[in-house]
Amino acid sequence: MNTEHVTDVSPIEDINLIQEIETMSDEKLKSILEAILFAASEPISLDQFQSALPEIGKRAIRRGLGELSDDYEEMGRSFHLVEIANGYQICSRSEYSEWIEKFYTRQVRVTLSPSALETLAIVAYKQPITRSDVATIRGVNSDSVLNSLLEKGLVRITGRKDGRALLFSTTDEFLQQFGLKDASELPSLDEIDELLSIPNGSEPSQPLLPVVMEETIE
């Protein structure tokens, strides 16, 4: 790459970009936000939007996203803008899932085992939590299950308790996979307590978390 060429034009481009941002119309802002959303493969946070639009405040970005969402609703598009995993993402509407599934003929369904769902629910509601605390609540060693959840990206290590035991919490991938905006959209504790009270050896009659994960093989 010719770095001298890039360096020569960069200051002028920066000045032009700042001037354009300062005089940006609402429609132009919405178009930029939409372009970023379509280019991204994962939810985009307000901080990430602002990193691309440093002269635009978060309130203006949030307002632009809201107007963009309203536009999609008014036009009756096959997709909509949703808040998910602490960010924003354009998603297809559920009524078109049948045709999307036909298109992705190599899609496979990955169902978490009852023990994995149970462990994931405990981490979600008690986070941050240690391995030993998970084992105490479940009444059985859960190291292998936690390791599996770590590999799937649903759980992450967020620190240490008293400088020793590892602490586990759920990830944004967890929120995205289960279609949750944030932890407040989890099932109620009463629902979880009812499911966790099922006798040992019995299969839960429904998932501990809202939906079954799906992964697409590329």
C-alpha atoms as a PDB file:
ATOM      1  CA  MET A   1       0.000   0.000   0.000  1.00  0.00           C
ATOM      2  CA  ASN A   2       1.239   3.519  -0.839  1.00  0.00           C
ATOM      3  CA  THR A   3       1.029   5.054   2.638  1.00  0.00           C
ATOM      4  CA  GLU A   4       2.291   8.450   1.406  1.00  0.00           C
ATOM      5  CA  HIS A   5      -0.736   8.802  -0.864  1.00  0.00           C
ATOM      6  CA  VAL A   6      -3.137   7.933   1.951  1.00  0.00           C
ATOM      7  CA  THR A   7      -1.447  10.374   4.323  1.00  0.00           C
ATOM      8  CA  ASP A   8      -1.550  13.220   1.761  1.00  0.00           C
ATOM      9  CA  VAL A   9      -5.338  13.079   1.222  1.00  0.00           C
ATOM     10  CA  SER A  10      -6.407  12.116   4.731  1.00  0.00           C
ATOM     11  CA  PRO A  11      -6.498  15.615   6.342  1.00  0.00           C
ATOM     12  CA  ILE A  12      -8.605  17.054   3.512  1.00  0.00           C
ATOM     13  CA  GLU A  13     -10.977  14.100   3.612  1.00  0.00           C
ATOM     14  CA  ASP A  14     -11.300  14.450   7.385  1.00  0.00           C
ATOM     15  CA  ILE A  15     -12.216  18.144   7.082  1.00  0.00           C
ATOM     16  CA  ASN A  16     -14.756  17.442   4.357  1.00  0.00           C
ATOM     17  CA  LEU A  17     -16.265  14.611   6.387  1.00  0.00           C
ATOM     18  CA  ILE A  18     -16.617  16.792   9.508  1.00  0.00           C
ATOM     19  CA  GLN A  19     -18.260  19.555   7.476  1.00  0.00           C
ATOM     20  CA  GLU A  20     -20.662  17.044   5.928  1.00  0.00           C
ATOM     21  CA  ILE A  21     -21.574  15.605   9.335  1.00  0.00           C
ATOM     22  CA  GLU A  22     -22.213  19.048  10.802  1.00  0.00           C
ATOM     23  CA  THR A  23     -24.722  19.860   8.042  1.00  0.00           C
ATOM     24  CA  MET A  24     -26.200  16.369   7.829  1.00  0.00           C
ATOM     25  CA  SER A  25     -29.952  16.104   7.305  1.00  0.00           C
ATOM     26  CA  ASP A  26     -32.144  13.633   9.172  1.00  0.00           C
ATOM     27  CA  GLU A  27     -32.631  11.628   5.965  1.00  0.00           C
ATOM     28  CA  LYS A  28     -28.884  11.467   5.354  1.00  0.00           C
ATOM     29  CA  LEU A  29     -28.294  10.280   8.929  1.00  0.00           C
ATOM     30  CA  LYS A  30     -30.921   7.549   8.553  1.00  0.00           C
ATOM     31  CA  SER A  31     -29.318   6.408   5.298  1.00  0.00           C
ATOM     32  CA  ILE A  32     -25.899   6.147   6.959  1.00  0.00           C
ATOM     33  CA  LEU A  33     -27.316   4.229   9.922  1.00  0.00           C
ATOM     34  CA  GLU A  34     -29.159   1.912   7.540  1.00  0.00           C
ATOM     35  CA  ALA A  35     -26.007   1.275   5.507  1.00  0.00           C
ATOM     36  CA  ILE A  36     -24.081   0.342   8.651  1.00  0.00           C
ATOM     37  CA  LEU A  37     -26.879  -1.962   9.805  1.00  0.00           C
ATOM     38  CA  PHE A  38     -27.023  -3.777   6.474  1.00  0.00           C
ATOM     39  CA  ALA A  39     -23.253  -4.177   6.344  1.00  0.00           C
ATOM     40  CA  ALA A  40     -23.034  -5.613   9.859  1.00  0.00           C
ATOM     41  CA  SER A  41     -23.549  -9.276  10.697  1.00  0.00           C
ATOM     42  CA  GLU A  42     -24.236  -8.659  14.388  1.00  0.00           C
ATOM     43  CA  PRO A  43     -26.046  -6.111  16.573  1.00  0.00           C
ATOM     44  CA  ILE A  44     -24.525  -2.613  16.568  1.00  0.00           C
ATOM     45  CA  SER A  45     -24.390  -0.655  19.823  1.00  0.00           C
ATOM     46  CA  LEU A  46     -24.874   3.106  20.147  1.00  0.00           C
ATOM     47  CA  ASP A  47     -21.179   3.424  21.003  1.00  0.00           C
ATOM     48  CA  GLN A  48     -20.269   1.679  17.749  1.00  0.00           C
ATOM     49  CA  PHE A  49     -22.564   3.941  15.742  1.00  0.00           C
ATOM     50  CA  GLN A  50     -21.040   6.996  17.396  1.00  0.00           C
ATOM     51  CA  SER A  51     -17.508   5.812  16.617  1.00  0.00           C
ATOM     52  CA  ALA A  52     -18.471   6.103  12.937  1.00  0.00           C
ATOM     53  CA  LEU A  53     -20.332   9.384  13.542  1.00  0.00           C
ATOM     54  CA  PRO A  54     -18.251  11.149  16.222  1.00  0.00           C
ATOM     55  CA  GLU A  55     -19.951  14.524  15.700  1.00  0.00           C
ATOM     56  CA  ILE A  56     -23.448  13.091  16.187  1.00  0.00           C
ATOM     57  CA  GLY A  57     -24.785  12.624  19.719  1.00  0.00           C
ATOM     58  CA  LYS A  58     -26.260   9.355  20.944  1.00  0.00           C
ATOM     59  CA  ARG A  59     -29.668  10.985  21.357  1.00  0.00           C
ATOM     60  CA  ALA A  60     -29.713  11.962  17.671  1.00  0.00           C
ATOM     61  CA  ILE A  61     -28.539   8.490  16.644  1.00  0.00           C
ATOM     62  CA  ARG A  62     -31.222   6.856  18.786  1.00  0.00           C
ATOM     63  CA  ARG A  63     -33.843   9.162  17.286  1.00  0.00           C
ATOM     64  CA  GLY A  64     -32.643   8.332  13.766  1.00  0.00           C
ATOM     65  CA  LEU A  65     -32.867   4.617  14.502  1.00  0.00           C
ATOM     66  CA  GLY A  66     -36.393   5.083  15.849  1.00  0.00           C
ATOM     67  CA  GLU A  67     -37.454   6.934  12.705  1.00  0.00           C
ATOM     68  CA  LEU A  68     -35.836   4.250  10.569  1.00  0.00           C
ATOM     69  CA  SER A  69     -37.826   1.600  12.438  1.00  0.00           C
ATOM     70  CA  ASP A  70     -41.032   3.590  11.897  1.00  0.00           C
ATOM     71  CA  ASP A  71     -40.254   3.873   8.175  1.00  0.00           C
ATOM     72  CA  TYR A  72     -39.972   0.087   7.871  1.00  0.00           C
ATOM     73  CA  GLU A  73     -43.299  -0.340   9.670  1.00  0.00           C
ATOM     74  CA  GLU A  74     -45.072   2.176   7.443  1.00  0.00           C
ATOM     75  CA  MET A  75     -43.658   0.606   4.283  1.00  0.00           C
ATOM     76  CA  GLY A  76     -44.599  -2.901   5.425  1.00  0.00           C
ATOM     77  CA  ARG A  77     -41.138  -4.276   4.689  1.00  0.00           C
ATOM     78  CA  SER A  78     -40.268  -7.933   5.186  1.00  0.00           C
ATOM     79  CA  PHE A  79     -37.709  -6.924   7.807  1.00  0.00           C
ATOM     80  CA  HIS A  80     -37.703  -4.683  10.866  1.00  0.00           C
ATOM     81  CA  LEU A  81     -35.246  -3.001  13.188  1.00  0.00           C
ATOM     82  CA  VAL A  82     -34.980  -4.646  16.598  1.00  0.00           C
ATOM     83  CA  GLU A  83     -33.071  -3.968  19.801  1.00  0.00           C
ATOM     84  CA  ILE A  84     -31.204  -7.109  20.703  1.00  0.00           C
ATOM     85  CA  ALA A  85     -28.056  -8.029  22.641  1.00  0.00           C
ATOM     86  CA  ASN A  86     -27.466  -4.417  23.755  1.00  0.00           C
ATOM     87  CA  GLY A  87     -27.545  -3.180  20.175  1.00  0.00           C
ATOM     88  CA  TYR A  88     -29.606  -2.766  17.026  1.00  0.00           C
ATOM     89  CA  GLN A  89     -30.002  -5.206  14.146  1.00  0.00           C
ATOM     90  CA  ILE A  90     -32.156  -5.546  11.039  1.00  0.00           C
ATOM     91  CA  CYS A  91     -33.984  -8.880  11.147  1.00  0.00           C
ATOM     92  CA  SER A  92     -36.473 -10.569   8.841  1.00  0.00           C
ATOM     93  CA  ARG A  93     -40.033 -10.832  10.119  1.00  0.00           C
ATOM     94  CA  SER A  94     -41.192 -14.147  11.555  1.00  0.00           C
ATOM     95  CA  GLU A  95     -43.948 -14.585   8.938  1.00  0.00           C
ATOM     96  CA  TYR A  96     -41.255 -15.072   6.297  1.00  0.00           C
ATOM     97  CA  SER A  97     -39.359 -17.741   8.233  1.00  0.00           C
ATOM     98  CA  GLU A  98     -40.833 -20.575   6.122  1.00  0.00           C
ATOM     99  CA  TRP A  99     -39.289 -19.208   2.914  1.00  0.00           C
ATOM    100  CA  ILE A 100     -35.999 -18.394   4.602  1.00  0.00           C
ATOM    101  CA  GLU A 101     -35.779 -21.946   5.942  1.00  0.00           C
ATOM    102  CA  LYS A 102     -36.376 -23.294   2.427  1.00  0.00           C
ATOM    103  CA  PHE A 103     -33.528 -21.140   1.152  1.00  0.00           C
ATOM    104  CA  TYR A 104     -31.090 -22.270   3.820  1.00  0.00           C
ATOM    105  CA  THR A 105     -31.458 -25.956   3.093  1.00  0.00           C
ATOM    106  CA  ARG A 106     -28.311 -26.871   5.041  1.00  0.00           C
ATOM    107  CA  GLN A 107     -29.513 -25.356   8.290  1.00  0.00           C
ATOM    108  CA  VAL A 108     -29.177 -27.618  11.332  1.00  0.00           C
ATOM    109  CA  ARG A 109     -30.830 -27.291  14.731  1.00  0.00           C
ATOM    110  CA  VAL A 110     -28.636 -27.484  17.822  1.00  0.00           C
ATOM    111  CA  THR A 111     -30.651 -28.234  20.942  1.00  0.00           C
ATOM    112  CA  LEU A 112     -29.015 -27.654  24.298  1.00  0.00           C
ATOM    113  CA  SER A 113     -29.366 -30.588  26.665  1.00  0.00           C
ATOM    114  CA  PRO A 114     -31.536 -30.204  29.793  1.00  0.00           C
ATOM    115  CA  SER A 115     -28.380 -29.985  31.933  1.00  0.00           C
ATOM    116  CA  ALA A 116     -26.905 -27.278  29.677  1.00  0.00           C
ATOM    117  CA  LEU A 117     -30.149 -25.301  29.709  1.00  0.00           C
ATOM    118  CA  GLU A 118     -30.355 -25.644  33.479  1.00  0.00           C
ATOM    119  CA  THR A 119     -26.767 -24.471  33.932  1.00  0.00           C
ATOM    120  CA  LEU A 120     -27.235 -21.603  31.479  1.00  0.00           C
ATOM    121  CA  ALA A 121     -30.378 -20.475  33.325  1.00  0.00           C
ATOM    122  CA  ILE A 122     -28.502 -20.502  36.643  1.00  0.00           C
ATOM    123  CA  VAL A 123     -25.680 -18.414  35.213  1.00  0.00           C
ATOM    124  CA  ALA A 124     -28.161 -15.994  33.613  1.00  0.00           C
ATOM    125  CA  TYR A 125     -29.986 -15.317  36.866  1.00  0.00           C
ATOM    126  CA  LYS A 126     -27.121 -15.545  39.356  1.00  0.00           C
ATOM    127  CA  GLN A 127     -24.328 -13.926  37.330  1.00  0.00           C
ATOM    128  CA  PRO A 128     -21.556 -13.441  38.036  1.00  0.00           C
ATOM    129  CA  ILE A 129     -21.324 -16.890  39.602  1.00  0.00           C
ATOM    130  CA  THR A 130     -18.565 -19.409  40.369  1.00  0.00           C
ATOM    131  CA  ARG A 131     -18.320 -23.046  39.276  1.00  0.00           C
ATOM    132  CA  SER A 132     -18.806 -24.232  42.842  1.00  0.00           C
ATOM    133  CA  ASP A 133     -21.944 -22.123  43.280  1.00  0.00           C
ATOM    134  CA  VAL A 134     -23.399 -23.554  40.069  1.00  0.00           C
ATOM    135  CA  ALA A 135     -22.611 -27.069  41.304  1.00  0.00           C
ATOM    136  CA  THR A 136     -24.207 -26.329  44.676  1.00  0.00           C
ATOM    137  CA  ILE A 137     -27.424 -25.112  43.077  1.00  0.00           C
ATOM    138  CA  ARG A 138     -27.587 -28.050  40.636  1.00  0.00           C
ATOM    139  CA  GLY A 139     -26.383 -30.619  43.140  1.00  0.00           C
ATOM    140  CA  VAL A 140     -23.884 -32.047  40.672  1.00  0.00           C
ATOM    141  CA  ASN A 141     -20.474 -31.137  39.234  1.00  0.00           C
ATOM    142  CA  SER A 142     -21.032 -28.800  36.289  1.00  0.00           C
ATOM    143  CA  ASP A 143     -17.496 -28.231  35.002  1.00  0.00           C
ATOM    144  CA  SER A 144     -17.998 -30.016  31.672  1.00  0.00           C
ATOM    145  CA  VAL A 145     -21.312 -28.252  31.033  1.00  0.00           C
ATOM    146  CA  LEU A 146     -19.790 -24.845  31.763  1.00  0.00           C
ATOM    147  CA  ASN A 147     -16.865 -25.624  29.462  1.00  0.00           C
ATOM    148  CA  SER A 148     -19.319 -26.513  26.702  1.00  0.00           C
ATOM    149  CA  LEU A 149     -21.217 -23.244  27.186  1.00  0.00           C
ATOM    150  CA  LEU A 150     -17.911 -21.368  27.068  1.00  0.00           C
ATOM    151  CA  GLU A 151     -17.062 -23.050  23.748  1.00  0.00           C
ATOM    152  CA  LYS A 152     -20.462 -22.086  22.305  1.00  0.00           C
ATOM    153  CA  GLY A 153     -19.866 -18.473  23.324  1.00  0.00           C
ATOM    154  CA  LEU A 154     -22.963 -18.336  25.535  1.00  0.00           C
ATOM    155  CA  VAL A 155     -20.991 -17.909  28.757  1.00  0.00           C
ATOM    156  CA  ARG A 156     -17.785 -15.985  29.472  1.00  0.00           C
ATOM    157  CA  ILE A 157     -15.336 -15.524  32.338  1.00  0.00           C
ATOM    158  CA  THR A 158     -15.797 -12.073  33.857  1.00  0.00           C
ATOM    159  CA  GLY A 159     -13.316 -12.084  36.737  1.00  0.00           C
ATOM    160  CA  ARG A 160     -12.425 -13.859  39.973  1.00  0.00           C
ATOM    161  CA  LYS A 161     -14.134 -14.031  43.354  1.00  0.00           C
ATOM    162  CA  ASP A 162     -11.760 -12.991  46.123  1.00  0.00           C
ATOM    163  CA  GLY A 163      -8.945 -13.247  43.589  1.00  0.00           C
ATOM    164  CA  ARG A 164      -9.306 -17.016  43.234  1.00  0.00           C
ATOM    165  CA  ALA A 165     -12.469 -18.677  41.877  1.00  0.00           C
ATOM    166  CA  LEU A 166     -13.457 -17.789  38.315  1.00  0.00           C
ATOM    167  CA  LEU A 167     -16.720 -15.904  37.828  1.00  0.00           C
ATOM    168  CA  PHE A 168     -19.054 -16.696  34.912  1.00  0.00           C
ATOM    169  CA  SER A 169     -21.640 -14.514  33.165  1.00  0.00           C
ATOM    170  CA  THR A 170     -23.700 -14.726  29.978  1.00  0.00           C
ATOM    171  CA  THR A 171     -22.571 -13.026  26.766  1.00  0.00           C
ATOM    172  CA  ASP A 172     -24.118 -10.811  24.107  1.00  0.00           C
ATOM    173  CA  GLU A 173     -24.081 -13.945  21.942  1.00  0.00           C
ATOM    174  CA  PHE A 174     -26.419 -15.506  24.504  1.00  0.00           C
ATOM    175  CA  LEU A 175     -28.819 -12.553  24.190  1.00  0.00           C
ATOM    176  CA  GLN A 176     -28.626 -12.671  20.393  1.00  0.00           C
ATOM    177  CA  GLN A 177     -29.177 -16.426  20.130  1.00  0.00           C
ATOM    178  CA  PHE A 178     -32.236 -16.281  22.352  1.00  0.00           C
ATOM    179  CA  GLY A 179     -33.668 -13.104  20.833  1.00  0.00           C
ATOM    180  CA  LEU A 180     -33.399 -11.001  23.998  1.00  0.00           C
ATOM    181  CA  LYS A 181     -32.867  -7.251  24.177  1.00  0.00           C
ATOM    182  CA  ASP A 182     -31.263  -7.607  27.606  1.00  0.00           C
ATOM    183  CA  ALA A 183     -31.462  -9.737  30.764  1.00  0.00           C
ATOM    184  CA  SER A 184     -34.751  -8.101  31.792  1.00  0.00           C
ATOM    185  CA  GLU A 185     -36.508 -10.070  29.046  1.00  0.00           C
ATOM    186  CA  LEU A 186     -35.610 -13.427  30.584  1.00  0.00           C
ATOM    187  CA  PRO A 187     -38.483 -15.594  31.898  1.00  0.00           C
ATOM    188  CA  SER A 188     -39.523 -14.763  35.448  1.00  0.00           C
ATOM    189  CA  LEU A 189     -37.749 -16.363  38.402  1.00  0.00           C
ATOM    190  CA  ASP A 190     -40.994 -18.139  39.317  1.00  0.00           C
ATOM    191  CA  GLU A 191     -41.006 -19.862  35.923  1.00  0.00           C
ATOM    192  CA  ILE A 192     -37.369 -20.884  36.328  1.00  0.00           C
ATOM    193  CA  ASP A 193     -37.934 -22.137  39.892  1.00  0.00           C
ATOM    194  CA  GLU A 194     -40.840 -24.259  38.680  1.00  0.00           C
ATOM    195  CA  LEU A 195     -38.738 -25.831  35.941  1.00  0.00           C
ATOM    196  CA  LEU A 196     -35.751 -26.403  38.221  1.00  0.00           C
ATOM    197  CA  SER A 197     -37.976 -28.224  40.720  1.00  0.00           C
ATOM    198  CA  ILE A 198     -38.539 -31.094  38.277  1.00  0.00           C
ATOM    199  CA  PRO A 199     -37.361 -34.375  39.934  1.00  0.00           C
ATOM    200  CA  ASN A 200     -33.959 -35.757  38.928  1.00  0.00           C
ATOM    201  CA  GLY A 201     -34.130 -37.946  35.860  1.00  0.00           C
ATOM    202  CA  SER A 202     -37.146 -36.167  34.423  1.00  0.00           C
ATOM    203  CA  GLU A 203     -37.008 -34.159  31.230  1.00  0.00           C
ATOM    204  CA  PRO A 204     -38.315 -30.578  31.411  1.00  0.00           C
ATOM    205  CA  SER A 205     -41.609 -30.218  29.542  1.00  0.00           C
ATOM    206  CA  GLN A 206     -40.366 -26.945  28.004  1.00  0.00           C
ATOM    207  CA  PRO A 207     -37.022 -25.179  27.534  1.00  0.00           C
ATOM    208  CA  LEU A 208     -35.598 -23.244  30.477  1.00  0.00           C
ATOM    209  CA  LEU A 209     -34.900 -20.381  28.093  1.00  0.00           C
ATOM    210  CA  PRO A 210     -37.186 -18.843  25.445  1.00  0.00           C
ATOM    211  CA  VAL A 211     -36.144 -20.613  22.231  1.00  0.00           C
ATOM    212  CA  VAL A 212     -33.915 -23.382  20.891  1.00  0.00           C
ATOM    213  CA  MET A 213     -30.642 -22.246  19.377  1.00  0.00           C
ATOM    214  CA  GLU A 214     -30.117 -22.551  15.651  1.00  0.00           C
ATOM    215  CA  GLU A 215     -26.816 -22.457  13.816  1.00  0.00           C
ATOM    216  CA  THR A 216     -26.275 -22.189  10.071  1.00  0.00           C
ATOM    217  CA  ILE A 217     -23.567 -24.276   8.441  1.00  0.00           C
ATOM    218  CA  GLU A 218     -21.782 -22.269   5.799  1.00  0.00           C
END
